[in-house]
Amino acid sequence: MKYRKLGNTGFSVSEIGFGAWAIGGGWGEQNDGDSREALNKALDLGVNFIDTAQGYGNGRSEKIIADILKDRPDNVIVATKIPPVSGPWPPSPYCKIEDRYPEAYLRKNLEERLSYLKTDCIDVLQLHTWTRAWNRNPLR
C-alpha cells in the first residue's frame, strides 16, 4: 500500500481509502457481517483512511466502524461529515451558511458523531455540502 500526506495535517493516509456509504445501507440492503468482513479486509491490506458520514445509514456506518476499530491497534484516520439542516440539496447560492449550519446544530451533531464513532476526537470533520457563495471570495 502506498501512503501520502493528507494536506498539512501530518496524517499519512493510504492512497486507497474505504468509503463507508454502502455499509450504511445507502446502496440497498447490506448485511452488517459482510460490512465488518469488508472493512477488516481493507484494514488488513493496509488501508488506514475511512470516509463515512452521518447520512450513511443515519449513523449506521459510523457505528460499524467504531465496533471494528475498538479491536484493532491500527492507526486509522476516520473522516466523517455533518449534513446541513433541512433545505435545498445541494444548498443554493442564496442559502446562508449560518442558516444551514447553525452553531448549536453543529455542536449537537458533532457530539452525536463522537458518540457513534465511540471516540473523543474526530480526525477529519467535514461539512457534507458546500456552495461557492459561502467562500469568503466566491470568485476564486
C-alpha atoms as a PDB file:
ATOM      1  CA  MET A   1       0.000   0.000   0.000  1.00  0.00           C
ATOM      2  CA  LYS A   2       1.235   3.480  -0.813  1.00  0.00           C
ATOM      3  CA  TYR A   3       0.668   6.376   1.574  1.00  0.00           C
ATOM      4  CA  ARG A   4       0.526  10.137   1.175  1.00  0.00           C
ATOM      5  CA  LYS A   5       0.408  13.139   3.472  1.00  0.00           C
ATOM      6  CA  LEU A   6      -3.111  14.479   3.968  1.00  0.00           C
ATOM      7  CA  GLY A   7      -2.710  18.200   3.352  1.00  0.00           C
ATOM      8  CA  ASN A   8      -0.852  19.804   6.220  1.00  0.00           C
ATOM      9  CA  THR A   9      -2.468  17.619   8.905  1.00  0.00           C
ATOM     10  CA  GLY A  10       0.597  15.461   9.465  1.00  0.00           C
ATOM     11  CA  PHE A  11      -1.511  12.362   8.753  1.00  0.00           C
ATOM     12  CA  SER A  12      -0.098   9.754   6.419  1.00  0.00           C
ATOM     13  CA  VAL A  13      -3.051   8.080   4.696  1.00  0.00           C
ATOM     14  CA  SER A  14      -3.347   5.190   2.285  1.00  0.00           C
ATOM     15  CA  GLU A  15      -3.841   6.138  -1.350  1.00  0.00           C
ATOM     16  CA  ILE A  16      -6.819   3.786  -1.318  1.00  0.00           C
ATOM     17  CA  GLY A  17      -9.419   4.573   1.315  1.00  0.00           C
ATOM     18  CA  PHE A  18     -12.527   2.761   2.494  1.00  0.00           C
ATOM     19  CA  GLY A  19     -15.704   4.575   1.500  1.00  0.00           C
ATOM     20  CA  ALA A  20     -18.366   3.586   4.028  1.00  0.00           C
ATOM     21  CA  TRP A  21     -21.546   4.711   2.257  1.00  0.00           C
ATOM     22  CA  ALA A  22     -22.528   1.164   1.281  1.00  0.00           C
ATOM     23  CA  ILE A  23     -22.080  -0.289   4.781  1.00  0.00           C
ATOM     24  CA  GLY A  24     -24.676   2.178   5.993  1.00  0.00           C
ATOM     25  CA  GLY A  25     -27.160   0.628   3.588  1.00  0.00           C
ATOM     26  CA  GLY A  26     -27.277   3.612   1.238  1.00  0.00           C
ATOM     27  CA  TRP A  27     -26.971   1.454  -1.870  1.00  0.00           C
ATOM     28  CA  GLY A  28     -29.540  -1.102  -0.761  1.00  0.00           C
ATOM     29  CA  GLU A  29     -29.772  -3.789   1.877  1.00  0.00           C
ATOM     30  CA  GLN A  30     -26.390  -4.549   3.416  1.00  0.00           C
ATOM     31  CA  ASN A  31     -25.530  -7.323   5.850  1.00  0.00           C
ATOM     32  CA  ASP A  32     -23.536  -5.968   8.815  1.00  0.00           C
ATOM     33  CA  GLY A  33     -21.429  -9.138   8.939  1.00  0.00           C
ATOM     34  CA  ASP A  34     -20.394  -8.619   5.308  1.00  0.00           C
ATOM     35  CA  SER A  35     -19.650  -4.983   6.069  1.00  0.00           C
ATOM     36  CA  ARG A  36     -17.421  -5.908   9.001  1.00  0.00           C
ATOM     37  CA  GLU A  37     -15.623  -8.503   6.877  1.00  0.00           C
ATOM     38  CA  ALA A  38     -15.002  -5.995   4.070  1.00  0.00           C
ATOM     39  CA  LEU A  39     -13.721  -3.318   6.437  1.00  0.00           C
ATOM     40  CA  ASN A  40     -11.430  -5.742   8.268  1.00  0.00           C
ATOM     41  CA  LYS A  41     -10.037  -6.989   4.935  1.00  0.00           C
ATOM     42  CA  ALA A  42      -9.348  -3.416   3.799  1.00  0.00           C
ATOM     43  CA  LEU A  43      -7.533  -2.658   7.062  1.00  0.00           C
ATOM     44  CA  ASP A  44      -5.585  -5.936   6.824  1.00  0.00           C
ATOM     45  CA  LEU A  45      -4.417  -4.868   3.359  1.00  0.00           C
ATOM     46  CA  GLY A  46      -3.086  -1.541   4.676  1.00  0.00           C
ATOM     47  CA  VAL A  47      -5.994   0.850   4.216  1.00  0.00           C
ATOM     48  CA  ASN A  48      -5.831   3.395   7.024  1.00  0.00           C
ATOM     49  CA  PHE A  49      -8.310   6.014   5.814  1.00  0.00           C
ATOM     50  CA  ILE A  50     -12.068   5.578   6.216  1.00  0.00           C
ATOM     51  CA  ASP A  51     -14.621   8.030   4.858  1.00  0.00           C
ATOM     52  CA  THR A  52     -18.070   7.997   6.454  1.00  0.00           C
ATOM     53  CA  ALA A  53     -20.910  10.388   7.254  1.00  0.00           C
ATOM     54  CA  GLN A  54     -23.950  10.817   9.454  1.00  0.00           C
ATOM     55  CA  GLY A  55     -26.060  10.334   6.349  1.00  0.00           C
ATOM     56  CA  TYR A  56     -24.662   6.867   5.640  1.00  0.00           C
ATOM     57  CA  GLY A  57     -27.484   4.892   7.208  1.00  0.00           C
ATOM     58  CA  ASN A  58     -28.243   7.643   9.736  1.00  0.00           C
ATOM     59  CA  GLY A  59     -25.029   6.811  11.594  1.00  0.00           C
ATOM     60  CA  ARG A  60     -25.110   3.052  10.935  1.00  0.00           C
ATOM     61  CA  SER A  61     -21.773   3.053   9.104  1.00  0.00           C
ATOM     62  CA  GLU A  62     -20.153   5.076  11.921  1.00  0.00           C
ATOM     63  CA  LYS A  63     -21.341   2.514  14.477  1.00  0.00           C
ATOM     64  CA  ILE A  64     -19.959  -0.403  12.428  1.00  0.00           C
ATOM     65  CA  ILE A  65     -16.631   1.410  12.034  1.00  0.00           C
ATOM     66  CA  ALA A  66     -16.475   2.031  15.797  1.00  0.00           C
ATOM     67  CA  ASP A  67     -17.109  -1.653  16.505  1.00  0.00           C
ATOM     68  CA  ILE A  68     -14.288  -2.701  14.174  1.00  0.00           C
ATOM     69  CA  LEU A  69     -11.767  -0.104  15.355  1.00  0.00           C
ATOM     70  CA  LYS A  70     -12.161  -0.891  19.071  1.00  0.00           C
ATOM     71  CA  ASP A  71     -10.458  -4.251  18.482  1.00  0.00           C
ATOM     72  CA  ARG A  72      -7.700  -3.012  16.176  1.00  0.00           C
ATOM     73  CA  PRO A  73      -4.474  -1.361  17.306  1.00  0.00           C
ATOM     74  CA  ASP A  74      -4.026   0.206  13.845  1.00  0.00           C
ATOM     75  CA  ASN A  75      -3.628   3.946  13.469  1.00  0.00           C
ATOM     76  CA  VAL A  76      -6.692   4.559  11.312  1.00  0.00           C
ATOM     77  CA  ILE A  77      -7.804   8.015  10.201  1.00  0.00           C
ATOM     78  CA  VAL A  78     -11.579   8.449  10.101  1.00  0.00           C
ATOM     79  CA  ALA A  79     -13.238  11.288   8.208  1.00  0.00           C
ATOM     80  CA  THR A  80     -16.920  11.938   8.794  1.00  0.00           C
ATOM     81  CA  LYS A  81     -19.379  14.549   7.634  1.00  0.00           C
ATOM     82  CA  ILE A  82     -22.225  16.610   9.059  1.00  0.00           C
ATOM     83  CA  PRO A  83     -25.193  17.306   6.776  1.00  0.00           C
ATOM     84  CA  PRO A  84     -26.842  20.726   6.662  1.00  0.00           C
ATOM     85  CA  VAL A  85     -30.195  21.357   8.307  1.00  0.00           C
ATOM     86  CA  SER A  86     -33.227  20.932   6.058  1.00  0.00           C
ATOM     87  CA  GLY A  87     -33.365  22.956   2.873  1.00  0.00           C
ATOM     88  CA  PRO A  88     -32.462  22.674  -0.796  1.00  0.00           C
ATOM     89  CA  TRP A  89     -29.943  19.954  -1.697  1.00  0.00           C
ATOM     90  CA  PRO A  90     -27.384  20.924  -2.633  1.00  0.00           C
ATOM     91  CA  PRO A  91     -27.621  24.318  -0.973  1.00  0.00           C
ATOM     92  CA  SER A  92     -28.312  27.122  -3.401  1.00  0.00           C
ATOM     93  CA  PRO A  93     -26.093  30.205  -3.593  1.00  0.00           C
ATOM     94  CA  TYR A  94     -28.936  32.028  -1.826  1.00  0.00           C
ATOM     95  CA  CYS A  95     -28.686  29.846   1.285  1.00  0.00           C
ATOM     96  CA  LYS A  96     -26.673  31.341   4.125  1.00  0.00           C
ATOM     97  CA  ILE A  97     -24.125  29.079   5.769  1.00  0.00           C
ATOM     98  CA  GLU A  98     -25.188  30.218   9.246  1.00  0.00           C
ATOM     99  CA  ASP A  99     -28.743  29.087   8.438  1.00  0.00           C
ATOM    100  CA  ARG A 100     -27.737  25.697   7.019  1.00  0.00           C
ATOM    101  CA  TYR A 101     -25.027  25.007   9.619  1.00  0.00           C
ATOM    102  CA  PRO A 102     -26.002  26.928  12.773  1.00  0.00           C
ATOM    103  CA  GLU A 103     -23.511  26.688  15.622  1.00  0.00           C
ATOM    104  CA  ALA A 104     -25.806  24.889  18.086  1.00  0.00           C
ATOM    105  CA  TYR A 105     -26.697  22.314  15.430  1.00  0.00           C
ATOM    106  CA  LEU A 106     -23.013  21.714  14.585  1.00  0.00           C
ATOM    107  CA  ARG A 107     -22.135  21.212  18.252  1.00  0.00           C
ATOM    108  CA  LYS A 108     -25.015  18.792  18.832  1.00  0.00           C
ATOM    109  CA  ASN A 109     -24.295  16.846  15.646  1.00  0.00           C
ATOM    110  CA  LEU A 110     -20.583  16.659  16.465  1.00  0.00           C
ATOM    111  CA  GLU A 111     -21.410  15.135  19.848  1.00  0.00           C
ATOM    112  CA  GLU A 112     -23.516  12.525  18.051  1.00  0.00           C
ATOM    113  CA  ARG A 113     -20.658  11.740  15.617  1.00  0.00           C
ATOM    114  CA  LEU A 114     -18.277  11.301  18.570  1.00  0.00           C
ATOM    115  CA  SER A 115     -20.783   9.026  20.295  1.00  0.00           C
ATOM    116  CA  TYR A 116     -21.454   6.866  17.239  1.00  0.00           C
ATOM    117  CA  LEU A 117     -17.734   6.524  16.485  1.00  0.00           C
ATOM    118  CA  LYS A 118     -17.017   5.874  20.194  1.00  0.00           C
ATOM    119  CA  THR A 119     -14.175   8.358  20.297  1.00  0.00           C
ATOM    120  CA  ASP A 120     -13.332  11.681  21.868  1.00  0.00           C
ATOM    121  CA  CYS A 121     -11.707  13.077  18.724  1.00  0.00           C
ATOM    122  CA  ILE A 122     -12.735  13.212  15.077  1.00  0.00           C
ATOM    123  CA  ASP A 123      -9.692  13.062  12.794  1.00  0.00           C
ATOM    124  CA  VAL A 124     -11.311  14.877   9.853  1.00  0.00           C
ATOM    125  CA  LEU A 125     -14.709  16.576  10.213  1.00  0.00           C
ATOM    126  CA  GLN A 126     -16.341  17.921   7.076  1.00  0.00           C
ATOM    127  CA  LEU A 127     -19.499  19.752   6.152  1.00  0.00           C
ATOM    128  CA  HIS A 128     -21.343  17.367   3.818  1.00  0.00           C
ATOM    129  CA  THR A 129     -22.139  20.027   1.263  1.00  0.00           C
ATOM    130  CA  TRP A 130     -20.913  23.418   0.164  1.00  0.00           C
ATOM    131  CA  THR A 131     -21.742  26.236  -2.179  1.00  0.00           C
ATOM    132  CA  ARG A 132     -19.191  28.669  -3.582  1.00  0.00           C
ATOM    133  CA  ALA A 133     -21.326  31.525  -2.268  1.00  0.00           C
ATOM    134  CA  TRP A 134     -20.052  30.589   1.201  1.00  0.00           C
ATOM    135  CA  ASN A 135     -16.432  31.229   0.240  1.00  0.00           C
ATOM    136  CA  ARG A 136     -15.011  34.491   1.502  1.00  0.00           C
ATOM    137  CA  ASN A 137     -14.279  35.410  -2.105  1.00  0.00           C
ATOM    138  CA  PRO A 138     -16.663  33.414  -4.348  1.00  0.00           C
ATOM    139  CA  LEU A 139     -14.769  34.469  -7.468  1.00  0.00           C
ATOM    140  CA  ARG A 140     -11.740  32.366  -6.528  1.00  0.00           C
END
